[in-house]
Structures are given as C-alpha cells and as structure tokens.
Amino acid sequence: MKKHKIKLVMVTIIYLRRRSLITKEEMESYCKGEQDEKDSVNDDLESLFENIRLGKEPDEDVWTYFLPKLTEEELESVERRDTSYLQTFYWGNDADVDETEMMLSESDSKYVWGFSRRQTFVIENSSSCLKNCSDCSVQ
C-alpha cells in the first residue's frame, strides 16, 4: 500500500459450505423468508455492490444461504451413497434427505442447503505511513 500510495483498501472474504440436502418444499420456504436466514448469497452480493456504487464503506459480517438444485449426476451420486460425494457436505454421510420426507415431497428434485459468511472490512493506511516511513506495518 505504501509503495503505490494507496490510502485504503476494501477486503471481502467469502466462505461457502454445503450443509445437507433438502426437498423442493424446504427450498421454497427459504425463498419465501420463512426460515431464520432471510438473505441469499445473491441478495447479499447485490446489496454489497450497490453500497460500493453509492460510495458506502461496508464493514460487515453477514451470514446467508444458497440453494442450488442437484444435477442428474449429483443425484446419481446420492442414490449410490457415494461417500466421496457425501463427504463434501458438512453433515457427511447423513447429508441426504430423510426417505419419508422425500416421499411426501411433490418433487423428486433435491437441493443443497448451504450457508455463506461474508466479511467485508476496510484497511486504512495512515497519512504518516504514506510519507517516507520505513517502519510502516501496512505495506
């Protein structure tokens, strides 16, 4: 930062983790705002970019969800109980939808129930460091 005389830098860290599989009905309940997590990853990123566009400096720690639909290939891996695939979920081999719950679903589709954490912060270089300060910690 000192070398290029940068006064401040915005840093965003995004962490995504797949928890387990859910039914179409449960996925829809998230989209309707009926769950504790109200914002999707997409909603949050739109908000972040809008705040940046408006010149706001977000200093945020935000938890969100994401709900992608499984592909045919992924569904086949689940049906085969492919442990290498199921281990990609937070709940591991227990990640699949309960059989009874799946039979009650109006759809054969399954969705990933995942969570995300976004941390955004600003690192500010003090004006004294922008001069010829050789001991500046922000370089």
N, C-alpha and C. Protein backbone atom coordinates (compact mmCIF):
# COMPACT_ATOMS: atom_id res chain seq x y z
N MET A 1 0.82 -1.18 0.00
CA MET A 1 0.00 0.00 0.00
C MET A 1 0.87 1.25 0.00
N LYS A 2 1.92 1.21 0.78
CA LYS A 2 2.81 2.36 0.89
C LYS A 2 3.48 2.64 -0.45
N LYS A 3 3.99 1.60 -1.08
CA LYS A 3 4.72 1.74 -2.34
C LYS A 3 3.88 2.45 -3.40
N HIS A 4 2.58 2.12 -3.48
CA HIS A 4 1.72 2.68 -4.51
C HIS A 4 0.86 3.84 -4.00
N LYS A 5 1.15 4.29 -2.77
CA LYS A 5 0.45 5.42 -2.14
C LYS A 5 -1.07 5.21 -2.11
N ILE A 6 -1.46 3.98 -1.76
CA ILE A 6 -2.87 3.64 -1.63
C ILE A 6 -3.32 3.99 -0.22
N LYS A 7 -4.40 4.76 -0.12
CA LYS A 7 -4.87 5.22 1.19
C LYS A 7 -5.74 4.19 1.90
N LEU A 8 -6.59 3.50 1.15
CA LEU A 8 -7.39 2.47 1.78
C LEU A 8 -7.74 1.37 0.80
N VAL A 9 -8.01 0.20 1.36
CA VAL A 9 -8.33 -0.97 0.57
C VAL A 9 -9.52 -1.66 1.21
N MET A 10 -10.48 -2.07 0.39
CA MET A 10 -11.61 -2.84 0.89
C MET A 10 -11.33 -4.32 0.63
N VAL A 11 -11.49 -5.13 1.67
CA VAL A 11 -11.23 -6.56 1.57
C VAL A 11 -12.55 -7.30 1.85
N THR A 12 -12.86 -8.27 1.01
CA THR A 12 -14.04 -9.11 1.22
C THR A 12 -13.61 -10.57 1.21
N ILE A 13 -14.03 -11.29 2.24
CA ILE A 13 -13.76 -12.72 2.36
C ILE A 13 -15.12 -13.42 2.31
N ILE A 14 -15.24 -14.41 1.42
CA ILE A 14 -16.49 -15.17 1.32
C ILE A 14 -16.19 -16.64 1.58
N TYR A 15 -16.94 -17.21 2.51
CA TYR A 15 -16.80 -18.61 2.88
C TYR A 15 -18.12 -19.30 2.59
N LEU A 16 -18.10 -20.37 1.79
CA LEU A 16 -19.30 -21.13 1.46
C LEU A 16 -19.14 -22.56 1.96
N ARG A 17 -20.22 -23.12 2.51
CA ARG A 17 -20.18 -24.50 2.99
C ARG A 17 -21.51 -25.17 2.72
N ARG A 18 -21.49 -26.35 2.16
CA ARG A 18 -22.69 -27.13 1.90
C ARG A 18 -23.05 -27.94 3.14
N ARG A 19 -24.25 -27.73 3.68
CA ARG A 19 -24.66 -28.44 4.90
C ARG A 19 -25.21 -29.82 4.57
N SER A 20 -26.34 -29.83 3.85
CA SER A 20 -27.02 -31.10 3.58
C SER A 20 -27.96 -30.91 2.39
N LEU A 21 -28.76 -31.95 2.14
CA LEU A 21 -29.73 -31.89 1.06
C LEU A 21 -31.12 -31.66 1.62
N ILE A 22 -31.95 -30.95 0.86
CA ILE A 22 -33.32 -30.65 1.28
C ILE A 22 -34.27 -30.87 0.11
N THR A 23 -35.56 -30.91 0.43
CA THR A 23 -36.60 -31.08 -0.58
C THR A 23 -36.94 -29.75 -1.25
N LYS A 24 -37.73 -29.84 -2.30
CA LYS A 24 -38.19 -28.64 -3.01
C LYS A 24 -38.99 -27.74 -2.07
N GLU A 25 -39.83 -28.34 -1.24
CA GLU A 25 -40.67 -27.56 -0.33
C GLU A 25 -39.83 -26.77 0.69
N GLU A 26 -38.80 -27.40 1.21
CA GLU A 26 -37.94 -26.71 2.17
C GLU A 26 -37.17 -25.59 1.48
N MET A 27 -36.71 -25.85 0.25
CA MET A 27 -36.03 -24.81 -0.52
C MET A 27 -36.95 -23.61 -0.71
N GLU A 28 -38.20 -23.87 -1.06
CA GLU A 28 -39.16 -22.78 -1.28
C GLU A 28 -39.42 -21.99 0.00
N SER A 29 -39.38 -22.67 1.14
CA SER A 29 -39.61 -21.96 2.41
C SER A 29 -38.51 -20.94 2.68
N TYR A 30 -37.28 -21.23 2.25
CA TYR A 30 -36.20 -20.24 2.36
C TYR A 30 -36.49 -19.06 1.46
N CYS A 31 -36.87 -19.34 0.24
CA CYS A 31 -37.11 -18.27 -0.74
C CYS A 31 -38.27 -17.37 -0.33
N LYS A 32 -39.21 -17.90 0.45
CA LYS A 32 -40.36 -17.13 0.93
C LYS A 32 -40.05 -16.38 2.23
N GLY A 33 -38.85 -16.56 2.77
CA GLY A 33 -38.46 -15.88 4.01
C GLY A 33 -39.00 -16.53 5.26
N GLU A 34 -39.36 -17.81 5.19
CA GLU A 34 -39.94 -18.50 6.33
C GLU A 34 -38.90 -19.15 7.24
N GLN A 35 -37.64 -19.04 6.91
CA GLN A 35 -36.56 -19.62 7.71
C GLN A 35 -35.80 -18.51 8.44
N ASP A 36 -34.94 -18.89 9.37
CA ASP A 36 -34.16 -17.90 10.13
C ASP A 36 -33.27 -17.07 9.23
N GLU A 37 -32.63 -17.73 8.28
CA GLU A 37 -31.75 -17.00 7.35
C GLU A 37 -32.63 -16.37 6.27
N LYS A 38 -32.63 -15.06 6.20
CA LYS A 38 -33.54 -14.35 5.30
C LYS A 38 -32.91 -13.97 3.97
N ASP A 39 -31.59 -13.80 3.93
CA ASP A 39 -30.94 -13.32 2.71
C ASP A 39 -30.13 -14.41 2.04
N SER A 40 -30.25 -14.48 0.72
CA SER A 40 -29.44 -15.42 -0.05
C SER A 40 -28.09 -14.78 -0.34
N VAL A 41 -27.15 -15.59 -0.77
CA VAL A 41 -25.84 -15.09 -1.19
C VAL A 41 -26.03 -14.02 -2.27
N ASN A 42 -26.91 -14.30 -3.23
CA ASN A 42 -27.14 -13.34 -4.33
C ASN A 42 -27.67 -12.01 -3.81
N ASP A 43 -28.66 -12.06 -2.89
CA ASP A 43 -29.22 -10.83 -2.31
C ASP A 43 -28.12 -10.01 -1.65
N ASP A 44 -27.29 -10.68 -0.88
CA ASP A 44 -26.23 -10.00 -0.14
C ASP A 44 -25.21 -9.37 -1.08
N LEU A 45 -24.79 -10.09 -2.11
CA LEU A 45 -23.80 -9.54 -3.04
C LEU A 45 -24.36 -8.35 -3.81
N GLU A 46 -25.63 -8.42 -4.19
CA GLU A 46 -26.27 -7.27 -4.85
C GLU A 46 -26.23 -6.05 -3.93
N SER A 47 -26.56 -6.27 -2.66
CA SER A 47 -26.55 -5.19 -1.68
C SER A 47 -25.13 -4.63 -1.49
N LEU A 48 -24.15 -5.51 -1.40
CA LEU A 48 -22.76 -5.08 -1.25
C LEU A 48 -22.33 -4.21 -2.43
N PHE A 49 -22.59 -4.68 -3.65
CA PHE A 49 -22.19 -3.92 -4.83
C PHE A 49 -22.92 -2.58 -4.92
N GLU A 50 -24.19 -2.55 -4.53
CA GLU A 50 -24.94 -1.30 -4.53
C GLU A 50 -24.35 -0.32 -3.52
N ASN A 51 -24.00 -0.81 -2.33
CA ASN A 51 -23.38 0.06 -1.32
C ASN A 51 -22.04 0.61 -1.81
N ILE A 52 -21.26 -0.22 -2.47
CA ILE A 52 -19.98 0.25 -3.02
C ILE A 52 -20.23 1.31 -4.09
N ARG A 53 -21.21 1.05 -4.95
CA ARG A 53 -21.55 2.01 -6.02
C ARG A 53 -21.96 3.36 -5.44
N LEU A 54 -22.66 3.32 -4.30
CA LEU A 54 -23.12 4.55 -3.66
C LEU A 54 -22.05 5.22 -2.80
N GLY A 55 -20.86 4.60 -2.77
CA GLY A 55 -19.76 5.18 -2.01
C GLY A 55 -19.76 4.84 -0.53
N LYS A 56 -20.60 3.91 -0.13
CA LYS A 56 -20.61 3.49 1.27
C LYS A 56 -19.49 2.49 1.50
N GLU A 57 -18.87 2.54 2.66
CA GLU A 57 -17.79 1.62 3.00
C GLU A 57 -18.34 0.56 3.95
N PRO A 58 -18.74 -0.57 3.42
CA PRO A 58 -19.30 -1.59 4.32
C PRO A 58 -18.26 -2.18 5.25
N ASP A 59 -18.64 -2.33 6.48
CA ASP A 59 -17.83 -3.02 7.48
C ASP A 59 -18.76 -4.07 8.05
N GLU A 60 -18.88 -5.18 7.34
CA GLU A 60 -19.95 -6.11 7.62
C GLU A 60 -19.48 -7.54 7.84
N ASP A 61 -20.29 -8.25 8.61
CA ASP A 61 -20.14 -9.68 8.80
C ASP A 61 -21.54 -10.24 8.59
N VAL A 62 -21.76 -10.90 7.45
CA VAL A 62 -23.10 -11.31 7.03
C VAL A 62 -23.16 -12.81 6.80
N TRP A 63 -24.21 -13.44 7.34
CA TRP A 63 -24.48 -14.86 7.12
C TRP A 63 -25.66 -14.99 6.16
N THR A 64 -25.52 -15.82 5.14
CA THR A 64 -26.57 -16.01 4.15
C THR A 64 -26.69 -17.49 3.79
N TYR A 65 -27.61 -17.80 2.89
CA TYR A 65 -27.81 -19.17 2.44
C TYR A 65 -27.70 -19.25 0.92
N PHE A 66 -27.51 -20.47 0.41
CA PHE A 66 -27.61 -20.73 -1.02
C PHE A 66 -28.25 -22.09 -1.21
N LEU A 67 -28.98 -22.27 -2.33
CA LEU A 67 -29.82 -23.44 -2.52
C LEU A 67 -29.78 -23.97 -3.95
N PRO A 68 -28.65 -24.39 -4.45
CA PRO A 68 -28.62 -24.90 -5.82
C PRO A 68 -29.31 -26.26 -5.94
N LYS A 69 -29.94 -26.47 -7.08
CA LYS A 69 -30.58 -27.76 -7.37
C LYS A 69 -29.51 -28.76 -7.80
N LEU A 70 -29.63 -30.00 -7.33
CA LEU A 70 -28.67 -31.03 -7.73
C LEU A 70 -28.83 -31.36 -9.21
N THR A 71 -27.72 -31.60 -9.86
CA THR A 71 -27.73 -32.06 -11.24
C THR A 71 -28.07 -33.56 -11.26
N GLU A 72 -28.35 -34.09 -12.43
CA GLU A 72 -28.62 -35.52 -12.56
C GLU A 72 -27.43 -36.34 -12.06
N GLU A 73 -26.23 -35.91 -12.41
CA GLU A 73 -25.02 -36.61 -11.98
C GLU A 73 -24.91 -36.62 -10.45
N GLU A 74 -25.20 -35.48 -9.82
CA GLU A 74 -25.14 -35.40 -8.36
C GLU A 74 -26.22 -36.28 -7.72
N LEU A 75 -27.41 -36.28 -8.31
CA LEU A 75 -28.48 -37.14 -7.80
C LEU A 75 -28.08 -38.61 -7.84
N GLU A 76 -27.44 -39.01 -8.92
CA GLU A 76 -26.97 -40.39 -9.05
C GLU A 76 -25.94 -40.72 -7.97
N SER A 77 -25.05 -39.78 -7.68
CA SER A 77 -24.06 -39.99 -6.62
C SER A 77 -24.73 -40.19 -5.28
N VAL A 78 -25.78 -39.44 -5.01
CA VAL A 78 -26.52 -39.57 -3.75
C VAL A 78 -27.23 -40.91 -3.69
N GLU A 79 -27.87 -41.30 -4.79
CA GLU A 79 -28.58 -42.59 -4.82
C GLU A 79 -27.63 -43.76 -4.62
N ARG A 80 -26.40 -43.65 -5.13
CA ARG A 80 -25.39 -44.70 -4.96
C ARG A 80 -24.75 -44.65 -3.57
N ARG A 81 -25.11 -43.62 -2.78
CA ARG A 81 -24.50 -43.39 -1.47
C ARG A 81 -22.99 -43.25 -1.58
N ASP A 82 -22.57 -42.53 -2.62
CA ASP A 82 -21.15 -42.29 -2.90
C ASP A 82 -20.56 -41.47 -1.75
N THR A 83 -19.76 -42.13 -0.92
CA THR A 83 -19.22 -41.47 0.27
C THR A 83 -18.29 -40.31 -0.08
N SER A 84 -17.57 -40.41 -1.19
CA SER A 84 -16.68 -39.30 -1.55
C SER A 84 -17.50 -38.05 -1.91
N TYR A 85 -18.68 -38.24 -2.48
CA TYR A 85 -19.55 -37.09 -2.78
C TYR A 85 -20.21 -36.59 -1.49
N LEU A 86 -20.76 -37.49 -0.69
CA LEU A 86 -21.47 -37.08 0.52
C LEU A 86 -20.54 -36.41 1.53
N GLN A 87 -19.26 -36.74 1.51
CA GLN A 87 -18.31 -36.11 2.42
C GLN A 87 -18.04 -34.65 2.07
N THR A 88 -18.54 -34.19 0.91
CA THR A 88 -18.38 -32.78 0.55
C THR A 88 -19.38 -31.90 1.31
N PHE A 89 -20.28 -32.53 2.07
CA PHE A 89 -21.27 -31.81 2.86
C PHE A 89 -20.84 -31.76 4.32
N TYR A 90 -21.27 -30.73 5.00
CA TYR A 90 -20.95 -30.54 6.41
C TYR A 90 -21.41 -31.75 7.23
N TRP A 91 -22.58 -32.30 6.89
CA TRP A 91 -23.12 -33.42 7.65
C TRP A 91 -22.70 -34.76 7.07
N GLY A 92 -21.79 -34.79 6.13
CA GLY A 92 -21.21 -36.02 5.60
C GLY A 92 -22.23 -37.03 5.12
N ASN A 93 -22.06 -38.28 5.52
CA ASN A 93 -22.94 -39.35 5.05
C ASN A 93 -24.40 -39.18 5.49
N ASP A 94 -24.65 -38.32 6.45
CA ASP A 94 -26.02 -38.05 6.91
C ASP A 94 -26.64 -36.85 6.18
N ALA A 95 -26.05 -36.44 5.09
CA ALA A 95 -26.49 -35.24 4.40
C ALA A 95 -27.76 -35.43 3.58
N ASP A 96 -28.13 -36.66 3.26
CA ASP A 96 -29.28 -36.89 2.37
C ASP A 96 -30.60 -36.60 3.08
N VAL A 97 -31.63 -36.34 2.28
CA VAL A 97 -32.98 -36.09 2.77
C VAL A 97 -33.54 -37.40 3.35
N ASP A 98 -34.26 -37.29 4.45
CA ASP A 98 -34.93 -38.44 5.05
C ASP A 98 -35.90 -39.06 4.03
N GLU A 99 -35.93 -40.41 3.97
CA GLU A 99 -36.77 -41.11 2.98
C GLU A 99 -38.24 -40.72 3.07
N THR A 100 -38.77 -40.65 4.27
CA THR A 100 -40.19 -40.30 4.47
C THR A 100 -40.45 -38.89 3.97
N GLU A 101 -39.57 -37.99 4.31
CA GLU A 101 -39.71 -36.60 3.88
C GLU A 101 -39.67 -36.51 2.35
N MET A 102 -38.81 -37.31 1.73
CA MET A 102 -38.70 -37.31 0.27
C MET A 102 -39.97 -37.86 -0.37
N MET A 103 -40.57 -38.89 0.23
CA MET A 103 -41.81 -39.46 -0.32
C MET A 103 -42.97 -38.47 -0.22
N LEU A 104 -42.96 -37.62 0.81
CA LEU A 104 -44.01 -36.62 0.98
C LEU A 104 -43.84 -35.42 0.06
N SER A 105 -42.68 -35.28 -0.53
CA SER A 105 -42.39 -34.14 -1.41
C SER A 105 -43.12 -34.31 -2.73
N GLU A 106 -43.54 -33.19 -3.29
CA GLU A 106 -44.21 -33.22 -4.60
C GLU A 106 -43.22 -33.38 -5.75
N SER A 107 -41.94 -33.36 -5.44
CA SER A 107 -40.91 -33.41 -6.46
C SER A 107 -39.84 -34.43 -6.11
N ASP A 108 -39.19 -34.95 -7.14
CA ASP A 108 -38.04 -35.84 -6.94
C ASP A 108 -36.73 -35.05 -6.83
N SER A 109 -36.81 -33.75 -7.04
CA SER A 109 -35.62 -32.90 -7.01
C SER A 109 -35.10 -32.76 -5.59
N LYS A 110 -33.80 -32.58 -5.50
CA LYS A 110 -33.15 -32.29 -4.22
C LYS A 110 -32.30 -31.04 -4.40
N TYR A 111 -32.16 -30.32 -3.30
CA TYR A 111 -31.41 -29.07 -3.31
C TYR A 111 -30.35 -29.10 -2.23
N VAL A 112 -29.27 -28.41 -2.49
CA VAL A 112 -28.23 -28.25 -1.48
C VAL A 112 -28.66 -27.13 -0.55
N TRP A 113 -28.59 -27.38 0.74
CA TRP A 113 -28.80 -26.35 1.74
C TRP A 113 -27.42 -25.94 2.21
N GLY A 114 -27.01 -24.74 1.81
CA GLY A 114 -25.68 -24.27 2.16
C GLY A 114 -25.72 -22.94 2.86
N PHE A 115 -24.64 -22.62 3.53
CA PHE A 115 -24.54 -21.32 4.19
C PHE A 115 -23.27 -20.61 3.74
N SER A 116 -23.30 -19.32 3.89
CA SER A 116 -22.18 -18.49 3.49
C SER A 116 -21.96 -17.42 4.55
N ARG A 117 -20.71 -17.07 4.70
CA ARG A 117 -20.35 -15.94 5.57
C ARG A 117 -19.50 -14.99 4.74
N ARG A 118 -19.91 -13.73 4.73
CA ARG A 118 -19.14 -12.70 4.03
C ARG A 118 -18.67 -11.69 5.06
N GLN A 119 -17.37 -11.45 5.04
CA GLN A 119 -16.79 -10.42 5.90
C GLN A 119 -16.16 -9.37 4.98
N THR A 120 -16.56 -8.13 5.19
CA THR A 120 -16.01 -7.03 4.41
C THR A 120 -15.49 -5.98 5.38
N PHE A 121 -14.27 -5.54 5.14
CA PHE A 121 -13.70 -4.52 6.00
C PHE A 121 -12.74 -3.66 5.19
N VAL A 122 -12.44 -2.52 5.74
CA VAL A 122 -11.55 -1.57 5.08
C VAL A 122 -10.26 -1.47 5.88
N ILE A 123 -9.15 -1.53 5.17
CA ILE A 123 -7.83 -1.31 5.78
C ILE A 123 -7.39 0.07 5.35
N GLU A 124 -7.16 0.91 6.32
CA GLU A 124 -6.78 2.29 6.02
C GLU A 124 -5.31 2.50 6.34
N ASN A 125 -4.61 3.09 5.40
CA ASN A 125 -3.21 3.43 5.57
C ASN A 125 -3.14 4.84 6.15
N SER A 126 -2.53 4.99 7.30
CA SER A 126 -2.48 6.31 7.91
C SER A 126 -1.63 7.25 7.07
N SER A 127 -1.92 8.54 7.16
CA SER A 127 -1.20 9.53 6.34
C SER A 127 0.29 9.54 6.65
N SER A 128 0.65 9.23 7.89
CA SER A 128 2.08 9.21 8.22
C SER A 128 2.79 8.08 7.50
N CYS A 129 2.09 6.99 7.21
CA CYS A 129 2.71 5.87 6.50
C CYS A 129 2.89 6.18 5.02
N LEU A 130 2.14 7.12 4.50
CA LEU A 130 2.26 7.45 3.08
C LEU A 130 3.52 8.27 2.79
N LYS A 131 4.12 8.80 3.84
CA LYS A 131 5.36 9.53 3.66
C LYS A 131 6.50 8.53 3.60
N ASN A 132 7.66 8.93 3.88
CA ASN A 132 8.83 8.05 3.81
C ASN A 132 9.06 7.30 5.13
N CYS A 133 8.07 6.64 5.58
CA CYS A 133 8.15 5.91 6.86
C CYS A 133 8.62 4.49 6.57
N SER A 134 9.79 4.12 7.03
CA SER A 134 10.33 2.81 6.74
C SER A 134 9.80 1.71 7.66
N ASP A 135 9.18 2.10 8.78
CA ASP A 135 8.71 1.09 9.72
C ASP A 135 7.19 0.87 9.65
N CYS A 136 6.56 1.27 8.57
CA CYS A 136 5.12 1.13 8.41
C CYS A 136 4.74 -0.35 8.33
N SER A 137 3.75 -0.76 9.14
CA SER A 137 3.34 -2.16 9.15
C SER A 137 2.42 -2.51 7.99
N VAL A 138 1.78 -1.52 7.36
CA VAL A 138 0.88 -1.78 6.23
C VAL A 138 1.63 -1.52 4.93
N GLN A 139 2.24 -2.55 4.41
CA GLN A 139 3.00 -2.39 3.18
C GLN A 139 2.44 -3.30 2.17
